[in-house]
Amino acid sequence: MITARDIHKSFGGIKVLNGVNMNVREGEIYGFIGQNGAGKTTTLDILAGLSRPDGGFCRVNGKDLSLIGYPGDLEIGYLPEEPKFYPWMTALETLEYLMDVRDPKKAQNLLSMVGLEKSEKCRTGGFSRGMKQRLGIAAALARDSKLLILDEPSSALDPEGRAHVLDLILELKEMGRTIIFSTHILSDVERVCDTVGILRDGVVAVEKPLRELKGLDDGWVYEISLEGKVGKDLLVKLKGLSCVIDVWEKKEGIRISTNGSSFIALDLMGVLVENQAGVASFHKERPSLEEIFLQEVSLK
């Protein structure tokens, strides 16, 4: 549904995108993450046809971006980071205005999907940011687009609202939609995404299926609680093991990310015994997306 190759974009001589490459496959949910100012919104604006890249090639929904006349040619649904509406219109009037054909029943169904059925006759000028976010999602669905580009769809919502939006995204996937969304809430990505793209230094540094990115077939994180303080010599020796990616000192022990070698646990225990470290507990778990993200964005 989306293919981007070597996309560049600058503003006032400041380079924001420095050769972005992306692939979003039909029928998947793609999570787009990166630090503040990394260029996520700039990238999504380009994909939505709202901004022209300085260079590169991009095909969205089967259409070459360089050949479209205006953004509507892409036939996509788009949610900006801060959706805005005519404040004198009601929620129902807003959706009817955005539709190809006036259909009050369809508009009411969309408002119900996003939890605004009780506010259909309320003017949008009195909406909270979270309500505007919900209405923006309904607006993105107003024309039955097969491809949805959502910029921070759950950022202004409370936990219940976030859960509702994530359930809706999964439901839309089941209905055959393709969704790409940006977010700072990594647990949302872990819950619903098939593929993750990490934007760093103006390029997509990592683009992998979530299962592969989290190393569900290899790689473990070890959580070790110690009796007493963590010695510097112990940390140095642990970091020196070939199987160890990184070590974090915690309040009551250490946390170690590893690369999936066969005898990791034995190697770790060997170092602990050698340093006469009192082990209170020792267990392993899969790495979180937050840990993976922090590792990636710290690379230079």
Protein backbone atom coordinates (compact mmCIF):
# COMPACT_ATOMS: atom_id res chain seq x y z
CA MET A 1 0.00 0.00 0.00
CA ILE A 2 2.94 2.35 0.70
CA THR A 3 6.42 2.30 -0.83
CA ALA A 4 8.83 5.12 -0.04
CA ARG A 5 12.37 5.32 -1.38
CA ASP A 6 15.05 7.85 -0.40
CA ILE A 7 12.61 10.54 0.77
CA HIS A 8 14.29 13.85 1.71
CA LYS A 9 12.77 16.95 3.28
CA SER A 10 14.27 20.18 4.64
CA PHE A 11 12.75 23.27 6.26
CA GLY A 12 14.71 26.50 6.09
CA GLY A 13 17.95 24.69 5.46
CA ILE A 14 17.37 22.24 8.33
CA LYS A 15 17.40 18.63 7.17
CA VAL A 16 14.48 16.69 8.68
CA LEU A 17 14.31 13.60 6.48
CA ASN A 18 17.54 12.24 5.11
CA GLY A 19 16.55 9.32 2.89
CA VAL A 20 13.48 7.61 4.35
CA ASN A 21 12.70 4.11 3.03
CA MET A 22 9.44 2.42 4.06
CA ASN A 23 7.22 -0.46 3.04
CA VAL A 24 3.68 -0.82 4.38
CA ARG A 25 1.99 -3.98 3.16
CA GLU A 26 -1.69 -4.32 2.42
CA GLY A 27 -3.76 -5.52 5.38
CA GLU A 28 -1.18 -4.82 8.10
CA ILE A 29 -0.97 -2.44 11.04
CA TYR A 30 2.30 -0.50 10.92
CA GLY A 31 3.56 1.29 14.03
CA PHE A 32 5.76 4.33 13.32
CA ILE A 33 7.85 5.45 16.30
CA GLY A 34 10.72 7.83 16.98
CA GLN A 35 11.90 10.56 19.32
CA ASN A 36 10.24 13.97 19.47
CA GLY A 37 11.34 15.95 16.43
CA ALA A 38 12.52 12.86 14.56
CA GLY A 39 10.27 13.68 11.59
CA LYS A 40 7.30 11.32 12.09
CA THR A 41 4.64 13.95 11.35
CA THR A 42 6.65 15.28 8.40
CA THR A 43 6.82 11.76 6.96
CA LEU A 44 3.11 11.11 7.44
CA ASP A 45 2.22 14.48 5.89
CA ILE A 46 4.23 13.50 2.81
CA LEU A 47 2.56 10.07 2.64
CA ALA A 48 -0.84 11.76 2.88
CA GLY A 49 0.00 14.11 0.00
CA LEU A 50 -0.10 17.20 2.21
CA SER A 51 3.59 18.02 1.76
CA ARG A 52 5.96 17.55 -1.16
CA PRO A 53 9.31 15.85 -0.54
CA ASP A 54 12.48 17.52 -1.79
CA GLY A 55 13.56 14.26 -3.37
CA GLY A 56 12.84 10.56 -3.58
CA PHE A 57 10.01 8.35 -4.78
CA CYS A 58 6.79 7.46 -3.02
CA ARG A 59 3.80 5.36 -4.06
CA VAL A 60 0.71 5.42 -1.84
CA ASN A 61 -2.41 3.37 -2.45
CA GLY A 62 -1.13 2.55 -5.93
CA LYS A 63 -0.53 6.18 -6.91
CA ASP A 64 2.76 7.98 -7.57
CA LEU A 65 2.80 11.01 -5.24
CA SER A 66 4.61 13.14 -7.81
CA LEU A 67 1.68 12.75 -10.22
CA ILE A 68 -1.31 13.53 -8.00
CA GLY A 69 -3.13 16.84 -8.36
CA TYR A 70 -4.32 17.15 -4.78
CA PRO A 71 -4.34 14.96 -1.63
CA GLY A 72 -7.88 13.66 -2.26
CA ASP A 73 -6.58 11.77 -5.31
CA LEU A 74 -4.92 9.27 -2.94
CA GLU A 75 -8.32 8.11 -1.59
CA ILE A 76 -6.99 7.56 1.92
CA GLY A 77 -8.25 8.36 5.40
CA TYR A 78 -6.01 10.74 7.35
CA LEU A 79 -5.93 11.83 10.99
CA PRO A 80 -3.62 14.79 11.72
CA GLU A 81 -1.91 15.11 15.09
CA GLU A 82 -4.33 17.87 16.14
CA PRO A 83 -7.56 17.56 14.12
CA LYS A 84 -9.51 20.80 13.66
CA PHE A 85 -13.16 21.30 12.71
CA TYR A 86 -15.57 24.15 12.06
CA PRO A 87 -16.59 25.04 15.64
CA TRP A 88 -20.18 25.97 14.70
CA MET A 89 -20.90 22.51 13.23
CA THR A 90 -22.16 19.60 15.29
CA ALA A 91 -20.33 16.28 15.22
CA LEU A 92 -23.03 14.81 12.96
CA GLU A 93 -22.93 17.78 10.58
CA THR A 94 -19.14 17.56 10.41
CA LEU A 95 -19.16 13.95 9.23
CA GLU A 96 -21.97 14.58 6.75
CA TYR A 97 -19.99 17.50 5.35
CA LEU A 98 -16.94 15.28 4.84
CA MET A 99 -18.79 12.45 3.11
CA ASP A 100 -19.13 12.03 -0.64
CA VAL A 101 -22.89 11.61 -0.23
CA ARG A 102 -24.93 12.87 2.73
CA ASP A 103 -25.81 9.83 4.84
CA PRO A 104 -27.00 10.63 8.39
CA LYS A 105 -27.28 6.95 9.36
CA LYS A 106 -23.70 6.21 8.30
CA ALA A 107 -22.50 9.30 10.18
CA GLN A 108 -24.32 8.15 13.31
CA ASN A 109 -22.74 4.69 12.99
CA LEU A 110 -19.28 6.24 12.74
CA LEU A 111 -19.88 8.38 15.83
CA SER A 112 -20.99 5.26 17.67
CA MET A 113 -17.82 3.43 16.58
CA VAL A 114 -15.65 6.11 18.21
CA GLY A 115 -17.81 6.57 21.33
CA LEU A 116 -19.42 9.92 20.42
CA GLU A 117 -22.99 8.77 19.87
CA LYS A 118 -24.22 10.90 22.79
CA SER A 119 -22.53 14.02 21.39
CA GLU A 120 -23.75 13.95 17.80
CA LYS A 121 -25.77 17.16 18.21
CA CYS A 122 -23.07 19.02 20.16
CA ARG A 123 -21.02 21.71 18.42
CA THR A 124 -17.38 20.76 17.97
CA GLY A 125 -16.23 24.12 19.35
CA GLY A 126 -17.04 22.81 22.82
CA PHE A 127 -15.26 19.48 22.37
CA SER A 128 -12.29 18.49 24.52
CA ARG A 129 -9.07 17.46 22.79
CA GLY A 130 -9.91 13.80 23.37
CA MET A 131 -13.36 14.24 21.79
CA LYS A 132 -11.79 15.97 18.79
CA GLN A 133 -9.39 13.05 18.49
CA ARG A 134 -12.30 10.61 18.39
CA LEU A 135 -14.13 12.73 15.83
CA GLY A 136 -10.95 12.91 13.76
CA ILE A 137 -10.82 9.12 13.63
CA ALA A 138 -14.46 9.02 12.53
CA ALA A 139 -13.65 11.62 9.87
CA ALA A 140 -10.77 9.46 8.59
CA LEU A 141 -13.32 6.65 8.10
CA ALA A 142 -15.97 8.82 6.46
CA ARG A 143 -15.15 7.78 2.87
CA ASP A 144 -14.51 4.07 3.44
CA SER A 145 -10.82 4.37 2.56
CA LYS A 146 -8.83 1.15 2.50
CA LEU A 147 -5.66 2.90 3.73
CA LEU A 148 -5.64 4.91 6.95
CA ILE A 149 -2.77 7.18 8.04
CA LEU A 150 -3.17 8.18 11.69
CA ASP A 151 -0.85 10.63 13.46
CA GLU A 152 -0.91 9.99 17.22
CA PRO A 153 -4.48 8.57 17.28
CA SER A 154 -4.49 7.88 21.03
CA SER A 155 -2.32 10.73 22.35
CA ALA A 156 -5.15 12.82 23.87
CA LEU A 157 -7.22 9.94 25.22
CA ASP A 158 -7.60 8.53 28.72
CA PRO A 159 -6.77 4.83 29.29
CA GLU A 160 -10.33 3.72 28.53
CA GLY A 161 -10.38 5.80 25.35
CA ARG A 162 -7.00 4.43 24.26
CA ALA A 163 -8.19 0.87 24.74
CA HIS A 164 -11.30 1.64 22.69
CA VAL A 165 -9.24 3.12 19.83
CA LEU A 166 -6.85 0.16 19.79
CA ASP A 167 -9.77 -2.25 19.65
CA LEU A 168 -11.18 -0.19 16.78
CA ILE A 169 -7.86 -0.35 14.91
CA LEU A 170 -7.83 -4.14 15.25
CA GLU A 171 -11.45 -4.27 14.09
CA LEU A 172 -10.60 -2.15 11.05
CA LYS A 173 -7.79 -4.55 10.17
CA GLU A 174 -10.28 -7.42 10.30
CA MET A 175 -12.43 -5.42 7.88
CA GLY A 176 -9.54 -5.35 5.40
CA ARG A 177 -8.11 -1.89 6.12
CA THR A 178 -4.40 -1.10 6.14
CA ILE A 179 -3.33 1.22 8.97
CA ILE A 180 -0.12 3.12 9.65
CA PHE A 181 -0.02 5.16 12.84
CA SER A 182 2.58 7.08 14.80
CA THR A 183 2.69 7.09 18.58
CA HIS A 184 4.85 7.66 21.66
CA ILE A 185 2.95 4.96 23.56
CA LEU A 186 5.04 1.88 22.86
CA SER A 187 2.67 -0.47 24.68
CA ASP A 188 0.03 0.43 22.06
CA VAL A 189 2.43 -0.66 19.31
CA GLU A 190 3.12 -3.94 21.10
CA ARG A 191 -0.57 -4.63 21.43
CA VAL A 192 -1.77 -4.14 17.86
CA CYS A 193 1.06 -3.79 15.32
CA ASP A 194 2.32 -6.30 12.78
CA THR A 195 5.33 -4.22 11.70
CA VAL A 196 7.33 -1.47 13.41
CA GLY A 197 9.38 1.30 11.84
CA ILE A 198 11.81 3.30 14.01
CA LEU A 199 12.76 6.74 12.69
CA ARG A 200 16.19 7.99 13.79
CA ASP A 201 18.34 10.81 12.40
CA GLY A 202 16.01 11.33 9.45
CA VAL A 203 16.00 7.72 8.27
CA VAL A 204 14.02 4.60 9.12
CA ALA A 205 16.80 2.87 11.03
CA VAL A 206 14.76 -0.26 11.74
CA GLU A 207 11.76 -1.73 9.93
CA LYS A 208 10.82 -5.24 10.99
CA PRO A 209 7.84 -7.39 11.92
CA LEU A 210 7.14 -6.89 15.62
CA ARG A 211 7.79 -10.55 16.38
CA GLU A 212 11.21 -10.39 14.77
CA LEU A 213 12.06 -7.03 16.34
CA LYS A 214 11.32 -8.31 19.84
CA GLY A 215 13.38 -11.43 19.19
CA LEU A 216 10.58 -13.83 20.01
CA ASP A 217 12.61 -16.63 18.49
CA ASP A 218 15.87 -15.64 20.21
CA GLY A 219 17.24 -13.08 22.61
CA TRP A 220 16.34 -12.82 26.28
CA VAL A 221 16.47 -10.23 29.02
CA TYR A 222 17.68 -11.44 32.46
CA GLU A 223 16.42 -9.80 35.62
CA ILE A 224 18.77 -10.55 38.54
CA SER A 225 18.14 -9.42 42.12
CA LEU A 226 21.26 -9.25 44.29
CA GLU A 227 21.87 -9.22 48.01
CA GLY A 228 23.95 -6.12 48.59
CA LYS A 229 25.35 -3.48 46.24
CA VAL A 230 26.29 -4.07 42.63
CA GLY A 231 30.05 -3.84 42.22
CA LYS A 232 31.63 -2.00 39.30
CA ASP A 233 33.88 -4.97 38.55
CA LEU A 234 30.81 -7.19 38.18
CA LEU A 235 29.22 -4.78 35.69
CA VAL A 236 32.42 -4.58 33.64
CA LYS A 237 32.77 -8.38 33.45
CA LEU A 238 29.12 -8.86 32.52
CA LYS A 239 29.37 -6.25 29.76
CA GLY A 240 32.47 -8.03 28.49
CA LEU A 241 30.61 -11.27 27.71
CA SER A 242 30.08 -11.81 23.98
CA CYS A 243 26.45 -12.82 24.56
CA VAL A 244 25.59 -9.56 26.39
CA ILE A 245 24.15 -6.56 24.51
CA ASP A 246 23.71 -4.20 27.45
CA VAL A 247 23.54 -4.09 31.26
CA TRP A 248 21.41 -1.77 33.42
CA GLU A 249 22.00 -1.30 37.14
CA LYS A 250 18.72 -1.19 39.07
CA LYS A 251 17.81 -0.45 42.68
CA GLU A 252 18.03 -4.07 43.83
CA GLY A 253 20.07 -5.71 41.10
CA ILE A 254 20.75 -5.70 37.37
CA ARG A 255 18.95 -6.18 34.08
CA ILE A 256 20.83 -7.72 31.15
CA SER A 257 19.82 -7.91 27.48
CA THR A 258 21.40 -10.75 25.50
CA ASN A 259 21.69 -11.95 21.92
CA GLY A 260 20.24 -15.45 22.22
CA SER A 261 23.43 -17.55 22.51
CA SER A 262 22.97 -21.12 23.74
CA PHE A 263 24.67 -20.98 27.15
CA ILE A 264 23.83 -17.46 28.28
CA ALA A 265 22.46 -18.40 31.70
CA LEU A 266 25.55 -20.49 32.51
CA ASP A 267 27.87 -17.70 31.39
CA LEU A 268 26.02 -15.14 33.54
CA MET A 269 25.96 -17.39 36.58
CA GLY A 270 29.66 -18.09 36.12
CA VAL A 271 30.47 -14.38 36.36
CA LEU A 272 28.18 -13.95 39.38
CA VAL A 273 29.80 -16.85 41.23
CA GLU A 274 33.30 -15.67 40.31
CA ASN A 275 32.50 -12.26 41.82
CA GLN A 276 30.84 -13.81 44.87
CA ALA A 277 27.59 -11.97 44.17
CA GLY A 278 24.71 -12.99 46.41
CA VAL A 279 21.82 -13.84 44.06
CA ALA A 280 18.33 -13.45 45.52
CA SER A 281 16.47 -14.18 42.26
CA PHE A 282 17.32 -14.94 38.65
CA HIS A 283 14.77 -15.05 35.84
CA LYS A 284 14.52 -14.33 32.13
CA GLU A 285 11.92 -12.64 29.94
CA ARG A 286 11.53 -11.29 26.44
CA PRO A 287 12.79 -7.72 25.83
CA SER A 288 10.16 -4.98 25.82
CA LEU A 289 9.69 -2.70 22.83
CA GLU A 290 10.74 0.21 25.05
CA GLU A 291 14.14 -1.41 25.67
CA ILE A 292 14.58 -2.09 21.96
CA PHE A 293 13.56 1.46 21.08
CA LEU A 294 15.98 3.01 23.58
CA GLN A 295 18.81 0.87 22.24
CA GLU A 296 18.07 1.89 18.66
CA VAL A 297 17.70 5.64 19.23
CA SER A 298 20.91 5.72 21.28
CA LEU A 299 22.95 4.36 18.37
CA LYS A 300 24.94 6.91 16.37
